[in-house]
C-alpha atoms as a PDB file:
ATOM      1  CA  UNK A   1     117.691  25.318  28.172  1.00  0.00           C
ATOM      2  CA  UNK A   2     121.505  25.650  28.239  1.00  0.00           C
ATOM      3  CA  UNK A   3     122.971  29.041  25.993  1.00  0.00           C
ATOM      4  CA  UNK A   4     124.683  28.059  22.736  1.00  0.00           C
ATOM      5  CA  UNK A   5     128.615  29.162  23.878  1.00  0.00           C
ATOM      6  CA  UNK A   6     130.331  28.413  20.758  1.00  0.00           C
ATOM      7  CA  UNK A   7     130.072  27.116  17.036  1.00  0.00           C
ATOM      8  CA  UNK A   8     133.334  24.789  16.359  1.00  0.00           C
ATOM      9  CA  UNK A   9     133.960  22.517  12.514  1.00  0.00           C
ATOM     10  CA  UNK A  10     134.523  19.326  13.980  1.00  0.00           C
ATOM     11  CA  UNK A  11     136.785  18.876  10.128  1.00  0.00           C
ATOM     12  CA  UNK A  12     137.773  20.909   7.538  1.00  0.00           C
ATOM     13  CA  UNK A  13     135.657  18.768   4.106  1.00  0.00           C
ATOM     14  CA  UNK A  14     138.402  19.281   1.282  1.00  0.00           C
ATOM     15  CA  UNK A  15     135.163  18.767  -0.984  1.00  0.00           C
ATOM     16  CA  UNK A  16     134.493  21.184  -3.776  1.00  0.00           C
ATOM     17  CA  UNK A  17     131.033  23.803  -2.812  1.00  0.00           C
ATOM     18  CA  UNK A  18     130.769  24.757  -6.755  1.00  0.00           C
ATOM     19  CA  UNK A  19     130.787  21.263  -7.611  1.00  0.00           C
ATOM     20  CA  UNK A  20     128.067  20.295  -5.199  1.00  0.00           C
ATOM     21  CA  UNK A  21     124.524  20.157  -6.536  1.00  0.00           C
ATOM     22  CA  UNK A  22     122.342  23.058  -5.676  1.00  0.00           C
ATOM     23  CA  UNK A  23     119.179  22.461  -3.025  1.00  0.00           C
ATOM     24  CA  UNK A  24     116.873  24.646  -1.676  1.00  0.00           C
ATOM     25  CA  UNK A  25     119.503  25.505   2.045  1.00  0.00           C
ATOM     26  CA  UNK A  26     123.083  25.369   0.426  1.00  0.00           C
ATOM     27  CA  UNK A  27     124.596  22.155  -1.197  1.00  0.00           C
ATOM     28  CA  UNK A  28     123.925  18.641  -1.508  1.00  0.00           C
ATOM     29  CA  UNK A  29     127.327  16.689  -1.330  1.00  0.00           C
ATOM     30  CA  UNK A  30     127.525  13.747  -2.957  1.00  0.00           C
ATOM     31  CA  UNK A  31     130.260  12.012  -0.815  1.00  0.00           C
ATOM     32  CA  UNK A  32     129.007  12.393   2.791  1.00  0.00           C
ATOM     33  CA  UNK A  33     124.934  12.491   1.620  1.00  0.00           C
ATOM     34  CA  UNK A  34     124.129  15.727   3.103  1.00  0.00           C
ATOM     35  CA  UNK A  35     123.032  18.794   2.996  1.00  0.00           C
ATOM     36  CA  UNK A  36     125.555  21.332   3.112  1.00  0.00           C
ATOM     37  CA  UNK A  37     123.934  25.006   4.421  1.00  0.00           C
ATOM     38  CA  UNK A  38     125.163  28.243   3.311  1.00  0.00           C
ATOM     39  CA  UNK A  39     125.661  30.563   5.961  1.00  0.00           C
ATOM     40  CA  UNK A  40     128.119  32.964   3.678  1.00  0.00           C
ATOM     41  CA  UNK A  41     124.686  35.868   3.421  1.00  0.00           C
ATOM     42  CA  UNK A  42     123.303  35.208   6.689  1.00  0.00           C
ATOM     43  CA  UNK A  43     123.922  37.523  10.030  1.00  0.00           C
ATOM     44  CA  UNK A  44     125.416  36.311  12.909  1.00  0.00           C
ATOM     45  CA  UNK A  45     121.812  36.013  14.814  1.00  0.00           C
ATOM     46  CA  UNK A  46     120.444  34.119  12.027  1.00  0.00           C
ATOM     47  CA  UNK A  47     123.764  31.463  12.553  1.00  0.00           C
ATOM     48  CA  UNK A  48     123.301  30.924  16.844  1.00  0.00           C
ATOM     49  CA  UNK A  49     119.561  30.740  16.135  1.00  0.00           C
ATOM     50  CA  UNK A  50     119.723  28.070  13.295  1.00  0.00           C
ATOM     51  CA  UNK A  51     122.734  25.474  15.587  1.00  0.00           C
ATOM     52  CA  UNK A  52     120.883  27.037  18.971  1.00  0.00           C
ATOM     53  CA  UNK A  53     117.729  24.343  17.611  1.00  0.00           C
ATOM     54  CA  UNK A  54     119.717  20.660  19.050  1.00  0.00           C
ATOM     55  CA  UNK A  55     118.824  18.784  15.654  1.00  0.00           C
ATOM     56  CA  UNK A  56     120.628  21.512  13.694  1.00  0.00           C
ATOM     57  CA  UNK A  57     123.772  20.942  16.271  1.00  0.00           C
ATOM     58  CA  UNK A  58     125.524  18.277  13.491  1.00  0.00           C
ATOM     59  CA  UNK A  59     124.789  20.314  10.122  1.00  0.00           C
ATOM     60  CA  UNK A  60     127.753  20.296   7.599  1.00  0.00           C
ATOM     61  CA  UNK A  61     127.664  24.603   6.418  1.00  0.00           C
ATOM     62  CA  UNK A  62     129.371  27.192   3.753  1.00  0.00           C
ATOM     63  CA  UNK A  63     131.175  29.916   5.868  1.00  0.00           C
ATOM     64  CA  UNK A  64     133.148  32.838   4.613  1.00  0.00           C
ATOM     65  CA  UNK A  65     136.501  33.502   5.836  1.00  0.00           C
ATOM     66  CA  UNK A  66     136.663  34.363   9.281  1.00  0.00           C
ATOM     67  CA  UNK A  67     132.953  34.450   9.743  1.00  0.00           C
ATOM     68  CA  UNK A  68     132.843  31.962  12.407  1.00  0.00           C
ATOM     69  CA  UNK A  69     135.438  33.373  14.332  1.00  0.00           C
ATOM     70  CA  UNK A  70     133.042  36.952  14.096  1.00  0.00           C
ATOM     71  CA  UNK A  71     130.263  34.675  15.289  1.00  0.00           C
ATOM     72  CA  UNK A  72     131.747  33.361  18.192  1.00  0.00           C
ATOM     73  CA  UNK A  73     133.039  37.018  19.596  1.00  0.00           C
ATOM     74  CA  UNK A  74     129.103  37.704  19.573  1.00  0.00           C
ATOM     75  CA  UNK A  75     128.444  34.430  21.424  1.00  0.00           C
ATOM     76  CA  UNK A  76     130.803  35.357  24.019  1.00  0.00           C
ATOM     77  CA  UNK A  77     129.929  38.898  24.670  1.00  0.00           C
ATOM     78  CA  UNK A  78     126.751  37.730  24.921  1.00  0.00           C
ATOM     79  CA  UNK A  79     127.516  35.224  28.111  1.00  0.00           C
ATOM     80  CA  UNK A  80     129.001  38.398  30.115  1.00  0.00           C
ATOM     81  CA  UNK A  81     127.251  39.703  33.499  1.00  0.00           C
ATOM     82  CA  UNK A  82     124.767  42.558  32.060  1.00  0.00           C
ATOM     83  CA  UNK A  83     126.185  45.908  33.137  1.00  0.00           C
ATOM     84  CA  UNK A  84     123.255  47.932  34.848  1.00  0.00           C
ATOM     85  CA  UNK A  85     123.501  51.599  34.670  1.00  0.00           C
ATOM     86  CA  UNK A  86     121.472  52.466  37.910  1.00  0.00           C
ATOM     87  CA  UNK A  87     122.121  56.114  39.349  1.00  0.00           C
ATOM     88  CA  UNK A  88     121.664  54.162  42.669  1.00  0.00           C
ATOM     89  CA  UNK A  89     124.806  52.728  44.300  1.00  0.00           C
ATOM     90  CA  UNK A  90     125.154  50.706  47.406  1.00  0.00           C
ATOM     91  CA  UNK A  91     125.666  52.266  50.454  1.00  0.00           C
ATOM     92  CA  UNK A  92     127.770  50.173  53.453  1.00  0.00           C
ATOM     93  CA  UNK A  93     126.546  52.029  56.734  1.00  0.00           C
ATOM     94  CA  UNK A  94     128.822  51.327  59.763  1.00  0.00           C
ATOM     95  CA  UNK A  95     127.271  51.710  63.141  1.00  0.00           C
END
């Protein structure tokens, strides 16, 4: 399964979060008839896990200012090759 690389907003919503009807996972938006998930209190790892599920890929969300930027930094760091702390170094022998 491909690894999630980045979370991006498809558009910025102009609807007022505070006027939406509270529901279990966030709030219901009457304008688009969708549940807007409240990611504000979620850790980076929980948001990444949520969006790693393909069924959730097009979910609307409420985020803290700068939250997606931090999450995408976390994702980028997880894509870097792992460094090994081996005590043994490769040796080139020439005969």
